[in-house]
Protein backbone atom coordinates (compact mmCIF):
# COMPACT_ATOMS: atom_id res chain seq x y z
CA MET A 1 -112.61 178.70 121.01
CA ALA A 2 -110.11 181.14 119.48
CA ARG A 3 -107.94 178.26 118.27
CA ALA A 4 -110.93 176.57 116.67
CA ARG A 5 -111.85 179.76 114.84
CA ALA A 6 -108.26 180.14 113.65
CA LYS A 7 -108.21 176.57 112.32
CA LYS A 8 -111.53 177.09 110.56
CA LYS A 9 -110.26 180.28 109.00
CA ALA A 10 -107.03 178.63 107.84
CA ALA A 11 -108.97 175.71 106.34
CA ALA A 12 -111.25 178.11 104.46
CA LYS A 13 -108.20 179.95 103.16
CA ARG A 14 -106.61 176.73 101.88
CA GLN A 15 -109.86 175.70 100.22
CA ALA A 16 -110.18 179.09 98.55
CA ALA A 17 -106.60 178.98 97.29
CA LYS A 18 -106.98 175.62 95.57
CA PRO A 19 -108.81 176.82 92.43
CA VAL A 20 -106.19 179.55 91.93
CA ALA A 21 -103.36 177.05 92.17
CA GLN A 22 -104.99 174.93 89.46
CA GLU A 23 -105.67 177.81 87.06
CA THR A 24 -103.91 177.88 83.72
CA ILE A 25 -102.52 181.22 82.59
CA GLU A 26 -105.35 181.52 80.06
CA GLU A 27 -107.96 180.87 82.75
CA LYS A 28 -106.35 183.48 84.96
CA LYS A 29 -106.31 185.99 82.11
CA LYS A 30 -110.00 185.37 81.51
CA ARG A 31 -110.80 185.85 85.19
CA ALA A 32 -108.66 188.99 85.50
CA ARG A 33 -110.31 190.54 82.45
CA ALA A 34 -113.76 189.67 83.80
CA ILE A 35 -112.85 191.39 87.09
CA VAL A 36 -111.82 194.53 85.24
CA ALA A 37 -114.99 194.47 83.13
CA ARG A 38 -117.08 194.24 86.31
CA LEU A 39 -115.12 197.09 87.92
CA ARG A 40 -115.67 199.21 84.83
CA LYS A 41 -119.41 199.03 85.48
CA LYS A 42 -118.94 200.21 89.06
CA TYR A 43 -116.23 202.82 88.40
CA PRO A 44 -116.78 203.89 84.77
CA GLY A 45 -114.76 207.08 85.08
CA ALA A 46 -112.01 205.80 87.36
CA ARG A 47 -109.10 208.24 87.58
CA THR A 48 -106.64 209.46 90.14
CA ALA A 49 -108.23 211.35 93.04
CA LEU A 50 -105.37 213.88 92.99
CA ASN A 51 -106.22 217.29 91.56
CA PHE A 52 -103.90 218.71 88.89
CA ASN A 53 -103.80 220.91 85.80
CA THR A 54 -100.51 219.79 84.24
CA PRO A 55 -98.40 216.62 84.20
CA PHE A 56 -95.82 218.37 86.40
CA GLU A 57 -98.47 219.24 88.97
CA LEU A 58 -99.56 215.61 89.04
CA LEU A 59 -95.94 214.54 89.55
CA VAL A 60 -95.62 216.83 92.57
CA ALA A 61 -99.01 215.75 93.95
CA THR A 62 -98.07 212.08 93.55
CA ILE A 63 -94.80 212.62 95.43
CA LEU A 64 -96.76 214.32 98.21
CA SER A 65 -99.30 211.48 98.35
CA ALA A 66 -96.80 208.95 99.72
CA GLN A 67 -98.00 207.93 103.21
CA CYS A 68 -100.64 210.65 102.97
CA THR A 69 -104.28 210.80 101.92
CA ASP A 70 -105.22 212.28 98.57
CA GLU A 71 -107.68 214.50 100.41
CA ARG A 72 -104.89 216.08 102.44
CA VAL A 73 -102.71 216.53 99.34
CA ASN A 74 -105.59 218.23 97.52
CA LYS A 75 -105.85 220.74 100.36
CA VAL A 76 -102.15 221.58 100.12
CA THR A 77 -101.58 221.76 96.37
CA PRO A 78 -103.72 224.78 95.35
CA GLY A 79 -101.66 227.16 97.47
CA LEU A 80 -98.45 225.29 96.66
CA PHE A 81 -98.93 225.56 92.89
CA ALA A 82 -99.88 229.22 93.18
CA LYS A 83 -96.63 229.86 95.02
CA TYR A 84 -94.49 227.63 92.79
CA PRO A 85 -96.22 227.64 89.37
CA THR A 86 -93.40 226.07 87.30
CA PRO A 87 -90.58 223.52 87.55
CA GLU A 88 -88.17 226.48 87.59
CA ALA A 89 -89.92 227.90 90.66
CA PHE A 90 -89.64 224.60 92.51
CA ALA A 91 -86.03 224.15 91.40
CA SER A 92 -85.06 227.48 92.98
CA ALA A 93 -87.25 227.06 96.07
CA ASP A 94 -85.72 227.38 99.53
CA PHE A 95 -85.60 223.88 100.97
CA ASP A 96 -86.71 224.77 104.50
CA GLU A 97 -89.52 226.98 103.23
CA LEU A 98 -90.86 224.33 100.85
CA ALA A 99 -90.61 221.71 103.60
CA GLN A 100 -92.82 223.87 105.81
CA ASP A 101 -95.24 224.46 102.94
CA ILE A 102 -95.83 220.70 102.63
CA ARG A 103 -95.36 219.79 106.30
CA SER A 104 -98.93 218.53 106.75
CA THR A 105 -98.41 215.77 104.16
CA GLY A 106 -95.85 214.00 106.35
CA PHE A 107 -92.25 213.00 105.58
CA PHE A 108 -92.01 216.59 104.37
CA ARG A 109 -88.20 216.84 104.27
CA ASN A 110 -87.83 213.78 102.04
CA LYS A 111 -90.65 215.02 99.83
CA ALA A 112 -89.22 218.54 99.60
CA LYS A 113 -85.88 217.10 98.51
CA ALA A 114 -87.51 214.85 95.91
CA ILE A 115 -89.54 217.73 94.46
CA ILE A 116 -86.64 220.21 94.31
CA GLU A 117 -84.18 217.69 92.86
CA SER A 118 -86.72 216.45 90.31
CA ALA A 119 -87.47 220.04 89.27
CA LYS A 120 -83.75 220.73 88.85
CA ILE A 121 -83.34 217.67 86.63
CA ILE A 122 -86.33 218.75 84.54
CA CYS A 123 -84.78 222.20 84.09
CA GLU A 124 -81.23 221.02 83.45
CA LYS A 125 -81.82 217.84 81.41
CA PHE A 126 -85.17 218.45 79.79
CA GLY A 127 -85.16 222.19 79.17
CA GLY A 128 -87.86 222.85 81.74
CA GLU A 129 -90.31 220.49 80.03
CA MET A 130 -91.77 217.47 81.82
CA PRO A 131 -90.44 214.22 80.33
CA GLU A 132 -93.31 212.26 78.80
CA THR A 133 -91.77 208.78 78.75
CA MET A 134 -91.14 206.15 81.40
CA GLU A 135 -87.40 206.36 80.70
CA GLY A 136 -87.39 210.11 81.20
CA LEU A 137 -89.49 210.12 84.37
CA LEU A 138 -87.34 207.44 86.01
CA GLN A 139 -84.39 209.83 85.76
CA LEU A 140 -86.09 212.15 88.25
CA HIS A 141 -85.20 212.02 91.92
CA GLY A 142 -86.91 209.14 93.72
CA VAL A 143 -89.50 208.58 90.99
CA SER A 144 -90.59 204.94 90.79
CA ARG A 145 -92.57 203.12 88.11
CA LYS A 146 -95.68 203.62 90.24
CA THR A 147 -95.30 207.40 90.25
CA ALA A 148 -94.40 207.45 86.56
CA ASN A 149 -97.43 205.32 85.68
CA VAL A 150 -99.72 207.66 87.62
CA VAL A 151 -98.43 210.65 85.64
CA LEU A 152 -98.24 209.00 82.23
CA GLY A 153 -101.62 207.32 82.53
CA ASN A 154 -103.71 210.05 84.17
CA ALA A 155 -102.11 213.20 82.75
CA LEU A 156 -101.01 211.98 79.33
CA GLY A 157 -103.18 208.93 78.61
CA LYS A 158 -100.13 206.75 77.98
CA ALA A 159 -100.44 203.10 79.02
CA THR A 160 -96.89 202.21 80.01
CA GLY A 161 -97.84 199.89 82.86
CA VAL A 162 -100.24 199.38 85.78
CA VAL A 163 -100.09 201.58 88.86
CA VAL A 164 -99.29 199.32 91.82
CA ASP A 165 -99.77 201.04 95.16
CA THR A 166 -100.62 199.32 98.44
CA HIS A 167 -104.30 198.95 97.45
CA VAL A 168 -103.54 197.36 94.06
CA HIS A 169 -100.90 195.10 95.58
CA ARG A 170 -103.31 193.92 98.30
CA LEU A 171 -106.14 193.23 95.85
CA ALA A 172 -103.87 191.44 93.39
CA LEU A 173 -102.82 189.10 96.22
CA ARG A 174 -106.33 188.53 97.55
CA MET A 175 -107.67 187.93 94.06
CA GLY A 176 -104.93 185.42 93.30
CA LEU A 177 -103.53 187.50 90.42
CA THR A 178 -99.99 187.53 91.81
CA GLN A 179 -97.90 185.62 94.30
CA TRP A 180 -95.50 188.44 95.21
CA ARG A 181 -96.11 189.55 98.81
CA LYS A 182 -93.19 191.85 99.64
CA ARG A 183 -93.76 195.56 99.20
CA ALA A 184 -90.42 195.76 97.41
CA GLN A 185 -91.81 193.38 94.78
CA ALA A 186 -94.35 195.87 93.44
CA GLU A 187 -92.74 195.85 89.98
CA LYS A 188 -93.15 192.06 89.82
CA VAL A 189 -96.82 192.49 90.74
CA GLU A 190 -97.09 195.05 87.94
CA GLN A 191 -95.56 192.63 85.44
CA ASP A 192 -98.09 189.95 86.45
CA LEU A 193 -100.99 192.36 85.91
CA MET A 194 -99.57 193.55 82.59
CA GLU A 195 -99.38 189.94 81.43
CA LEU A 196 -102.96 189.19 82.49
CA LEU A 197 -104.62 192.34 81.12
CA PRO A 198 -104.66 193.88 77.65
CA LYS A 199 -102.77 197.16 77.34
CA LYS A 200 -105.99 199.09 76.79
CA ASP A 201 -107.03 198.22 80.36
CA TRP A 202 -103.79 199.08 82.16
CA ILE A 203 -104.61 202.68 83.08
CA PHE A 204 -108.19 201.95 84.12
CA ALA A 205 -107.30 198.80 86.07
CA GLY A 206 -104.85 200.58 88.36
CA ASN A 207 -107.26 203.44 89.10
CA ALA A 208 -110.28 201.16 89.58
CA LEU A 209 -108.47 198.72 91.87
CA ILE A 210 -107.36 201.65 94.03
CA LEU A 211 -110.98 202.81 94.37
CA HIS A 212 -112.17 199.27 95.10
CA GLY A 213 -109.42 198.85 97.68
CA ARG A 214 -110.50 202.04 99.41
CA ASP A 215 -114.24 201.45 99.59
CA THR A 216 -114.76 197.66 99.61
CA CYS A 217 -111.68 195.43 99.88
CA THR A 218 -109.89 197.47 102.53
CA ALA A 219 -106.80 196.53 104.52
CA ARG A 220 -108.86 196.22 107.70
CA GLU A 221 -111.80 194.38 106.22
CA ALA A 222 -112.60 192.65 102.95
CA ARG A 223 -116.34 193.18 102.60
CA CYS A 224 -116.89 190.21 100.30
CA ALA A 225 -120.67 190.22 100.77
CA GLU A 226 -120.78 193.68 99.18
CA CYS A 227 -118.14 193.03 96.51
CA ILE A 228 -119.11 193.23 92.85
CA VAL A 229 -116.40 190.70 91.89
CA ALA A 230 -116.75 188.27 94.82
CA ASP A 231 -117.77 185.38 92.53
CA LEU A 232 -114.61 185.93 90.45
CA CYS A 233 -112.32 186.07 93.48
CA PRO A 234 -110.88 183.26 95.65
CA GLN A 235 -111.29 185.67 98.59
CA LEU A 236 -107.83 185.20 100.09
CA VAL A 237 -108.73 187.88 102.60
CA ASP A 238 -105.73 187.37 104.87
CA LEU A 239 -103.20 188.05 102.12
CA VAL A 240 -101.76 191.55 102.31
CA PRO A 241 -98.39 192.98 101.26
CA SER A 242 -95.75 192.58 103.96
């Protein structure tokens, strides 16, 4: 019985994948843009769930959000930013003390190092001012394109790319918008999405896909019957980043 169900599932997956394989790039662009238009109706004000007042605060919050829920980060950051209100304050922070301050976010030693080293670079290379370009942000300690896109898009309104976290990567695979499955290939996934979507949609698309990945197309279950874009999606529900 289990084997029969597995075969049926595999057959359905192959059948679903066929239309994607036959799509031209223009057809895929049209479908991707229709998906984003549909998501805009559901999540008209899509933005990062992290709370912040300045681009630097969003940088710190984004670093803390790795392998941690935004809800947990939002509980930690008010007290953290009151204690360390500027890049200079973080740059001169005691490592062990800061690590304990952010302990509940997990991987706290790595995060404390990234925050302190990034703050030092901001103070030493950028005169204490947050860099406002992709090139500048990538000079900070451990800052990836994903983190930089979160900051540039949500804090500064600059569309330099598409945020690709685990939710966006998973949905891009399931929707047949990319073929790159490895987590280390996130930048290739981003390039695919940037090619398919107009620049004006880059910031919104990343934020909306994250929301959709949290409440509908989750890692545990793709609730296709409830999905607002199900008719635009090949529903490759077994495809997740590996």
